[in-house]
Amino acid sequence: MRLTVATTYTTADAHMSCSTTAPDRTLSRLARAHRQSGQSTIAYVILCAALAAALLVPLPPNNLTAAQQLAQAVRSYYSDLTFFISLP
């Protein structure tokens, strides 16, 4: 009987040692994924900052920024649309 209990304990102990190394590998994978996520976040922030800066740079023909030109185009479209709707 004692031999069976000792064998069962050894098997359980071996199982425990295997299960403790698996979470360690999983944690290292999660750490790598977290670092990669941080890198992609930084790249996204840099891209958004570059796009925002591009919207605020004046363009040569009329010295309006791209944001001002876009707002002017939307105003013009809305004005034309409301005029068309008001026609009998």
Foldseek 3Di string as FASTA:
>chain_A
DVVVVVVVVVVVVVVVVVVVVVVVVVVVVVVVVVVVVVVVVVVVVVVVVVVVVQQCAQDPPPRHGVVVVVVVVVVVVVVVVVVVVPDD
